[in-house]
Amino acid sequence: MSSIFYAGIDTGGTYTDAAIIHPGERRVVASAKALTTKGNLGVGVAAALSRALEQAKGQARPADLG
């Protein structure tokens, strides 16, 4: 059974930040930035989240996000 992780996203003026959090251990597993894409915020959100998942190095997968 895999753990459930949370993803936190902050879209700012220049950068979009993403963090992957293990709620049970109360720790940040990984975090990353991407440029904010004002015409379509989803592009920057997806890029930041993808980078954070890469940094998680297998600790968290997309299917583990809840």
Protein backbone atom coordinates (compact mmCIF):
# COMPACT_ATOMS: atom_id res chain seq x y z
CA MET A 1 0.00 0.00 0.00
CA SER A 2 1.44 3.36 -0.99
CA SER A 3 1.22 6.59 0.97
CA ILE A 4 -0.98 9.49 0.02
CA PHE A 5 0.85 12.77 -0.57
CA TYR A 6 -0.50 16.29 -0.95
CA ALA A 7 0.55 18.77 -3.60
CA GLY A 8 0.64 22.48 -2.85
CA ILE A 9 0.72 24.97 -5.71
CA ASP A 10 1.28 28.74 -5.63
CA THR A 11 0.94 30.68 -8.88
CA GLY A 12 2.75 33.96 -8.57
CA GLY A 13 3.59 36.85 -10.82
CA THR A 14 6.83 35.37 -12.14
CA TYR A 15 7.06 31.81 -10.84
CA THR A 16 4.69 29.00 -10.00
CA ASP A 17 5.84 26.93 -7.02
CA ALA A 18 4.91 23.32 -6.32
CA ALA A 19 5.55 21.27 -3.21
CA ILE A 20 4.83 17.61 -2.51
CA ILE A 21 4.06 16.99 1.15
CA HIS A 22 3.87 13.79 3.17
CA PRO A 23 1.09 14.71 5.63
CA GLY A 24 1.68 11.85 8.05
CA GLU A 25 5.36 12.74 8.48
CA ARG A 26 4.70 16.49 8.17
CA ARG A 27 7.55 17.01 5.73
CA VAL A 28 8.13 18.39 2.29
CA VAL A 29 9.27 15.55 0.03
CA ALA A 30 10.16 17.80 -2.92
CA SER A 31 9.60 21.27 -4.32
CA ALA A 32 10.16 23.01 -7.64
CA LYS A 33 9.51 26.18 -9.63
CA ALA A 34 8.37 26.92 -13.17
CA LEU A 35 7.60 30.16 -14.94
CA THR A 36 4.03 31.37 -14.44
CA THR A 37 2.13 31.16 -17.72
CA LYS A 38 -0.41 33.95 -17.40
CA GLY A 39 -2.28 33.04 -20.59
CA ASN A 40 -2.91 29.51 -19.29
CA LEU A 41 -1.96 28.95 -15.63
CA GLY A 42 -2.35 25.19 -16.07
CA VAL A 43 0.82 25.03 -18.17
CA GLY A 44 2.97 26.49 -15.38
CA VAL A 45 1.20 24.42 -12.73
CA ALA A 46 1.80 21.21 -14.69
CA ALA A 47 5.46 22.10 -15.27
CA ALA A 48 6.12 22.89 -11.60
CA LEU A 49 4.31 19.77 -10.40
CA SER A 50 6.15 17.59 -12.93
CA ARG A 51 9.49 18.97 -11.74
CA ALA A 52 8.57 18.38 -8.11
CA LEU A 53 7.62 14.78 -8.89
CA GLU A 54 10.99 14.31 -10.63
CA GLN A 55 12.74 15.63 -7.52
CA ALA A 56 10.75 13.24 -5.34
CA LYS A 57 12.87 10.47 -6.92
CA GLY A 58 10.26 7.76 -6.65
CA GLN A 59 9.04 8.64 -3.16
CA ALA A 60 5.81 10.00 -4.65
CA ARG A 61 4.15 9.22 -7.97
CA PRO A 62 1.25 11.02 -9.63
CA ALA A 63 -1.08 8.21 -8.51
CA ASP A 64 -0.02 8.87 -4.88
CA LEU A 65 -1.32 12.46 -4.89
CA GLY A 66 -4.57 12.92 -3.06
